[in-house]
Amino acid sequence: MRGHIQIWFFSGILLLVYGVLITGTGLWELSHPLVNPPVLYELHAPIWWGAIMTVAGLFYTLRFRPR
C-alpha cells in the first residue's frame, strides 16, 4: 500500500513525546523534592513509566515509519 501511513506510527510518536515529557517531569521532581510527597513517592513512578513509554514509542516509531 503505497502512500499510506499506519496509525501505529502516529501512536509511536505520541508515546515517545509523552514518555519524554513524563520522564523529564520525574527527573525534575527528583531534583526538587515535594514538600508533601504522595504515598510511594520514593519509587519515582514518573521516571519508570516515562522510560517505558519512551522505549515503546521508539519501537513503534521505528518499526512502522513510512518507507
PDB file of N, CA and C in Angstrom:
ATOM      1  N   MET A   1       0.843  -1.168   0.000  1.00  0.00           N
ATOM      2  CA  MET A   1       0.000   0.000   0.000  1.00  0.00           C
ATOM      3  C   MET A   1       0.893   1.237   0.000  1.00  0.00           C
ATOM      4  N   ARG A   2       1.095   1.765  -1.150  1.00  0.00           N
ATOM      5  CA  ARG A   2       1.955   2.926  -1.296  1.00  0.00           C
ATOM      6  C   ARG A   2       1.194   4.205  -0.924  1.00  0.00           C
ATOM      7  N   GLY A   3       1.870   5.065  -0.175  1.00  0.00           N
ATOM      8  CA  GLY A   3       1.269   6.340   0.175  1.00  0.00           C
ATOM      9  C   GLY A   3       0.446   6.330   1.455  1.00  0.00           C
ATOM     10  N   HIS A   4       0.328   5.187   2.109  1.00  0.00           N
ATOM     11  CA  HIS A   4      -0.435   5.115   3.346  1.00  0.00           C
ATOM     12  C   HIS A   4       0.515   5.077   4.537  1.00  0.00           C
ATOM     13  N   ILE A   5       0.138   5.775   5.583  1.00  0.00           N
ATOM     14  CA  ILE A   5       0.908   5.760   6.824  1.00  0.00           C
ATOM     15  C   ILE A   5       0.058   5.056   7.867  1.00  0.00           C
ATOM     16  N   GLN A   6       0.654   4.080   8.538  1.00  0.00           N
ATOM     17  CA  GLN A   6      -0.093   3.315   9.523  1.00  0.00           C
ATOM     18  C   GLN A   6      -0.320   4.132  10.795  1.00  0.00           C
ATOM     19  N   ILE A   7      -1.411   3.814  11.468  1.00  0.00           N
ATOM     20  CA  ILE A   7      -1.770   4.511  12.693  1.00  0.00           C
ATOM     21  C   ILE A   7      -0.754   4.244  13.790  1.00  0.00           C
ATOM     22  N   TRP A   8      -0.057   3.103  13.729  1.00  0.00           N
ATOM     23  CA  TRP A   8       0.935   2.755  14.756  1.00  0.00           C
ATOM     24  C   TRP A   8       2.118   3.718  14.740  1.00  0.00           C
ATOM     25  N   PHE A   9       2.410   4.286  13.599  1.00  0.00           N
ATOM     26  CA  PHE A   9       3.478   5.287  13.521  1.00  0.00           C
ATOM     27  C   PHE A   9       3.112   6.516  14.351  1.00  0.00           C
ATOM     28  N   PHE A  10       1.892   6.999  14.214  1.00  0.00           N
ATOM     29  CA  PHE A  10       1.438   8.154  14.984  1.00  0.00           C
ATOM     30  C   PHE A  10       1.302   7.815  16.468  1.00  0.00           C
ATOM     31  N   SER A  11       0.882   6.590  16.758  1.00  0.00           N
ATOM     32  CA  SER A  11       0.825   6.158  18.159  1.00  0.00           C
ATOM     33  C   SER A  11       2.219   6.129  18.768  1.00  0.00           C
ATOM     34  N   GLY A  12       3.204   5.705  17.992  1.00  0.00           N
ATOM     35  CA  GLY A  12       4.584   5.695  18.465  1.00  0.00           C
ATOM     36  C   GLY A  12       5.102   7.092  18.744  1.00  0.00           C
ATOM     37  N   ILE A  13       4.779   8.030  17.863  1.00  0.00           N
ATOM     38  CA  ILE A  13       5.205   9.419  18.084  1.00  0.00           C
ATOM     39  C   ILE A  13       4.563   9.968  19.359  1.00  0.00           C
ATOM     40  N   LEU A  14       3.282   9.687  19.548  1.00  0.00           N
ATOM     41  CA  LEU A  14       2.581  10.159  20.734  1.00  0.00           C
ATOM     42  C   LEU A  14       3.183   9.556  22.008  1.00  0.00           C
ATOM     43  N   LEU A  15       3.441   8.251  21.998  1.00  0.00           N
ATOM     44  CA  LEU A  15       4.064   7.609  23.158  1.00  0.00           C
ATOM     45  C   LEU A  15       5.453   8.187  23.417  1.00  0.00           C
ATOM     46  N   LEU A  16       6.195   8.434  22.366  1.00  0.00           N
ATOM     47  CA  LEU A  16       7.544   8.977  22.506  1.00  0.00           C
ATOM     48  C   LEU A  16       7.519  10.367  23.138  1.00  0.00           C
ATOM     49  N   VAL A  17       6.647  11.220  22.650  1.00  0.00           N
ATOM     50  CA  VAL A  17       6.563  12.584  23.191  1.00  0.00           C
ATOM     51  C   VAL A  17       6.108  12.563  24.648  1.00  0.00           C
ATOM     52  N   TYR A  18       5.045  11.798  24.942  1.00  0.00           N
ATOM     53  CA  TYR A  18       4.566  11.722  26.318  1.00  0.00           C
ATOM     54  C   TYR A  18       5.616  11.104  27.239  1.00  0.00           C
ATOM     55  N   GLY A  19       6.317  10.087  26.758  1.00  0.00           N
ATOM     56  CA  GLY A  19       7.348   9.448  27.566  1.00  0.00           C
ATOM     57  C   GLY A  19       8.470  10.400  27.919  1.00  0.00           C
ATOM     58  N   VAL A  20       8.907  11.197  26.957  1.00  0.00           N
ATOM     59  CA  VAL A  20       9.971  12.164  27.221  1.00  0.00           C
ATOM     60  C   VAL A  20       9.487  13.227  28.209  1.00  0.00           C
ATOM     61  N   LEU A  21       8.259  13.706  28.041  1.00  0.00           N
ATOM     62  CA  LEU A  21       7.722  14.718  28.964  1.00  0.00           C
ATOM     63  C   LEU A  21       7.564  14.178  30.387  1.00  0.00           C
ATOM     64  N   ILE A  22       7.048  12.966  30.516  1.00  0.00           N
ATOM     65  CA  ILE A  22       6.847  12.384  31.841  1.00  0.00           C
ATOM     66  C   ILE A  22       8.183  12.077  32.504  1.00  0.00           C
ATOM     67  N   THR A  23       9.156  11.581  31.736  1.00  0.00           N
ATOM     68  CA  THR A  23      10.485  11.327  32.296  1.00  0.00           C
ATOM     69  C   THR A  23      11.126  12.633  32.756  1.00  0.00           C
ATOM     70  N   GLY A  24      10.999  13.674  31.957  1.00  0.00           N
ATOM     71  CA  GLY A  24      11.538  14.973  32.346  1.00  0.00           C
ATOM     72  C   GLY A  24      10.901  15.495  33.619  1.00  0.00           C
ATOM     73  N   THR A  25       9.591  15.321  33.743  1.00  0.00           N
ATOM     74  CA  THR A  25       8.893  15.732  34.960  1.00  0.00           C
ATOM     75  C   THR A  25       9.382  14.937  36.161  1.00  0.00           C
ATOM     76  N   GLY A  26       9.561  13.636  35.984  1.00  0.00           N
ATOM     77  CA  GLY A  26      10.053  12.798  37.073  1.00  0.00           C
ATOM     78  C   GLY A  26      11.461  13.179  37.498  1.00  0.00           C
ATOM     79  N   LEU A  27      12.318  13.493  36.538  1.00  0.00           N
ATOM     80  CA  LEU A  27      13.677  13.917  36.875  1.00  0.00           C
ATOM     81  C   LEU A  27      13.672  15.271  37.579  1.00  0.00           C
ATOM     82  N   TRP A  28      12.770  16.158  37.152  1.00  0.00           N
ATOM     83  CA  TRP A  28      12.662  17.456  37.820  1.00  0.00           C
ATOM     84  C   TRP A  28      12.195  17.271  39.267  1.00  0.00           C
ATOM     85  N   GLU A  29      11.210  16.392  39.470  1.00  0.00           N
ATOM     86  CA  GLU A  29      10.737  16.117  40.828  1.00  0.00           C
ATOM     87  C   GLU A  29      11.835  15.481  41.679  1.00  0.00           C
ATOM     88  N   LEU A  30      12.712  14.707  41.061  1.00  0.00           N
ATOM     89  CA  LEU A  30      13.805  14.080  41.792  1.00  0.00           C
ATOM     90  C   LEU A  30      14.782  15.132  42.310  1.00  0.00           C
ATOM     91  N   SER A  31      15.040  16.155  41.520  1.00  0.00           N
ATOM     92  CA  SER A  31      15.979  17.192  41.941  1.00  0.00           C
ATOM     93  C   SER A  31      15.316  18.287  42.782  1.00  0.00           C
ATOM     94  N   HIS A  32      13.991  18.369  42.727  1.00  0.00           N
ATOM     95  CA  HIS A  32      13.246  19.346  43.521  1.00  0.00           C
ATOM     96  C   HIS A  32      12.161  18.592  44.306  1.00  0.00           C
ATOM     97  N   PRO A  33      12.506  18.011  45.453  1.00  0.00           N
ATOM     98  CA  PRO A  33      11.528  17.199  46.196  1.00  0.00           C
ATOM     99  C   PRO A  33      10.296  18.006  46.603  1.00  0.00           C
ATOM    100  N   LEU A  34       9.174  17.313  46.641  1.00  0.00           N
ATOM    101  CA  LEU A  34       7.918  17.937  47.038  1.00  0.00           C
ATOM    102  C   LEU A  34       7.878  18.134  48.551  1.00  0.00           C
ATOM    103  N   VAL A  35       7.156  19.161  48.992  1.00  0.00           N
ATOM    104  CA  VAL A  35       7.023  19.433  50.423  1.00  0.00           C
ATOM    105  C   VAL A  35       6.187  18.339  51.089  1.00  0.00           C
ATOM    106  N   ASN A  36       5.061  17.995  50.482  1.00  0.00           N
ATOM    107  CA  ASN A  36       4.194  16.922  50.979  1.00  0.00           C
ATOM    108  C   ASN A  36       4.117  15.831  49.917  1.00  0.00           C
ATOM    109  N   PRO A  37       5.074  14.907  49.912  1.00  0.00           N
ATOM    110  CA  PRO A  37       5.081  13.886  48.857  1.00  0.00           C
ATOM    111  C   PRO A  37       3.932  12.890  49.013  1.00  0.00           C
ATOM    112  N   PRO A  38       3.418  12.365  47.904  1.00  0.00           N
ATOM    113  CA  PRO A  38       2.347  11.370  47.975  1.00  0.00           C
ATOM    114  C   PRO A  38       2.889  10.019  48.454  1.00  0.00           C
ATOM    115  N   VAL A  39       1.977   9.109  48.694  1.00  0.00           N
ATOM    116  CA  VAL A  39       2.345   7.769  49.119  1.00  0.00           C
ATOM    117  C   VAL A  39       3.178   7.108  48.022  1.00  0.00           C
ATOM    118  N   LEU A  40       4.189   6.367  48.398  1.00  0.00           N
ATOM    119  CA  LEU A  40       5.099   5.644  47.498  1.00  0.00           C
ATOM    120  C   LEU A  40       5.887   6.579  46.588  1.00  0.00           C
ATOM    121  N   TYR A  41       6.131   7.789  47.031  1.00  0.00           N
ATOM    122  CA  TYR A  41       6.895   8.765  46.246  1.00  0.00           C
ATOM    123  C   TYR A  41       8.308   8.271  45.970  1.00  0.00           C
ATOM    124  N   GLU A  42       8.856   7.485  46.906  1.00  0.00           N
ATOM    125  CA  GLU A  42      10.240   7.034  46.772  1.00  0.00           C
ATOM    126  C   GLU A  42      10.441   6.028  45.636  1.00  0.00           C
ATOM    127  N   LEU A  43       9.371   5.545  45.036  1.00  0.00           N
ATOM    128  CA  LEU A  43       9.501   4.624  43.899  1.00  0.00           C
ATOM    129  C   LEU A  43       9.769   5.362  42.586  1.00  0.00           C
ATOM    130  N   HIS A  44       9.505   6.659  42.554  1.00  0.00           N
ATOM    131  CA  HIS A  44       9.749   7.507  41.378  1.00  0.00           C
ATOM    132  C   HIS A  44       9.052   6.955  40.129  1.00  0.00           C
ATOM    133  N   ALA A  45       7.747   6.765  40.240  1.00  0.00           N
ATOM    134  CA  ALA A  45       6.945   6.207  39.158  1.00  0.00           C
ATOM    135  C   ALA A  45       7.025   6.998  37.851  1.00  0.00           C
ATOM    136  N   PRO A  46       7.059   8.343  37.865  1.00  0.00           N
ATOM    137  CA  PRO A  46       7.137   9.049  36.582  1.00  0.00           C
ATOM    138  C   PRO A  46       8.400   8.712  35.784  1.00  0.00           C
ATOM    139  N   ILE A  47       9.490   8.472  36.471  1.00  0.00           N
ATOM    140  CA  ILE A  47      10.725   8.125  35.759  1.00  0.00           C
ATOM    141  C   ILE A  47      10.579   6.756  35.095  1.00  0.00           C
ATOM    142  N   TRP A  48      10.049   5.784  35.844  1.00  0.00           N
ATOM    143  CA  TRP A  48       9.889   4.438  35.290  1.00  0.00           C
ATOM    144  C   TRP A  48       8.884   4.408  34.138  1.00  0.00           C
ATOM    145  N   TRP A  49       7.703   4.993  34.348  1.00  0.00           N
ATOM    146  CA  TRP A  49       6.679   4.961  33.304  1.00  0.00           C
ATOM    147  C   TRP A  49       7.086   5.802  32.098  1.00  0.00           C
ATOM    148  N   GLY A  50       7.741   6.916  32.353  1.00  0.00           N
ATOM    149  CA  GLY A  50       8.222   7.719  31.235  1.00  0.00           C
ATOM    150  C   GLY A  50       9.252   6.972  30.405  1.00  0.00           C
ATOM    151  N   ALA A  51      10.138   6.253  31.069  1.00  0.00           N
ATOM    152  CA  ALA A  51      11.144   5.474  30.338  1.00  0.00           C
ATOM    153  C   ALA A  51      10.493   4.345  29.535  1.00  0.00           C
ATOM    154  N   ILE A  52       9.517   3.668  30.134  1.00  0.00           N
ATOM    155  CA  ILE A  52       8.813   2.588  29.419  1.00  0.00           C
ATOM    156  C   ILE A  52       8.068   3.146  28.211  1.00  0.00           C
ATOM    157  N   MET A  53       7.401   4.285  28.390  1.00  0.00           N
ATOM    158  CA  MET A  53       6.677   4.889  27.272  1.00  0.00           C
ATOM    159  C   MET A  53       7.631   5.371  26.182  1.00  0.00           C
ATOM    160  N   THR A  54       8.791   5.883  26.570  1.00  0.00           N
ATOM    161  CA  THR A  54       9.771   6.334  25.588  1.00  0.00           C
ATOM    162  C   THR A  54      10.290   5.165  24.761  1.00  0.00           C
ATOM    163  N   VAL A  55      10.608   4.057  25.413  1.00  0.00           N
ATOM    164  CA  VAL A  55      11.095   2.876  24.692  1.00  0.00           C
ATOM    165  C   VAL A  55      10.014   2.328  23.763  1.00  0.00           C
ATOM    166  N   ALA A  56       8.780   2.240  24.254  1.00  0.00           N
ATOM    167  CA  ALA A  56       7.684   1.753  23.408  1.00  0.00           C
ATOM    168  C   ALA A  56       7.450   2.693  22.229  1.00  0.00           C
ATOM    169  N   GLY A  57       7.521   3.996  22.475  1.00  0.00           N
ATOM    170  CA  GLY A  57       7.341   4.965  21.398  1.00  0.00           C
ATOM    171  C   GLY A  57       8.441   4.863  20.355  1.00  0.00           C
ATOM    172  N   LEU A  58       9.679   4.677  20.801  1.00  0.00           N
ATOM    173  CA  LEU A  58      10.779   4.485  19.848  1.00  0.00           C
ATOM    174  C   LEU A  58      10.567   3.231  19.013  1.00  0.00           C
ATOM    175  N   PHE A  59      10.130   2.151  19.666  1.00  0.00           N
ATOM    176  CA  PHE A  59       9.893   0.904  18.946  1.00  0.00           C
ATOM    177  C   PHE A  59       8.832   1.092  17.860  1.00  0.00           C
ATOM    178  N   TYR A  60       7.678   1.638  18.235  1.00  0.00           N
ATOM    179  CA  TYR A  60       6.595   1.813  17.265  1.00  0.00           C
ATOM    180  C   TYR A  60       6.970   2.806  16.167  1.00  0.00           C
ATOM    181  N   THR A  61       7.663   3.867  16.531  1.00  0.00           N
ATOM    182  CA  THR A  61       8.030   4.875  15.539  1.00  0.00           C
ATOM    183  C   THR A  61       9.018   4.300  14.524  1.00  0.00           C
ATOM    184  N   LEU A  62       9.992   3.550  15.001  1.00  0.00           N
ATOM    185  CA  LEU A  62      10.981   2.990  14.078  1.00  0.00           C
ATOM    186  C   LEU A  62      10.428   1.788  13.311  1.00  0.00           C
ATOM    187  N   ARG A  63       9.611   0.992  13.955  1.00  0.00           N
ATOM    188  CA  ARG A  63       9.074  -0.215  13.300  1.00  0.00           C
ATOM    189  C   ARG A  63       8.080   0.124  12.194  1.00  0.00           C
ATOM    190  N   PHE A  64       7.244   1.145  12.403  1.00  0.00           N
ATOM    191  CA  PHE A  64       6.175   1.457  11.456  1.00  0.00           C
ATOM    192  C   PHE A  64       6.403   2.767  10.715  1.00  0.00           C
ATOM    193  N   ARG A  65       7.634   3.248  10.668  1.00  0.00           N
ATOM    194  CA  ARG A  65       7.905   4.505   9.949  1.00  0.00           C
ATOM    195  C   ARG A  65       7.619   4.321   8.461  1.00  0.00           C
ATOM    196  N   PRO A  66       7.180   5.375   7.802  1.00  0.00           N
ATOM    197  CA  PRO A  66       6.905   5.270   6.367  1.00  0.00           C
ATOM    198  C   PRO A  66       8.202   5.055   5.592  1.00  0.00           C
ATOM    199  N   ARG A  67       8.145   4.249   4.612  1.00  0.00           N
ATOM    200  CA  ARG A  67       9.330   3.924   3.810  1.00  0.00           C
ATOM    201  C   ARG A  67       9.382   4.806   2.584  1.00  0.00           C
TER     202      ARG A  67
END
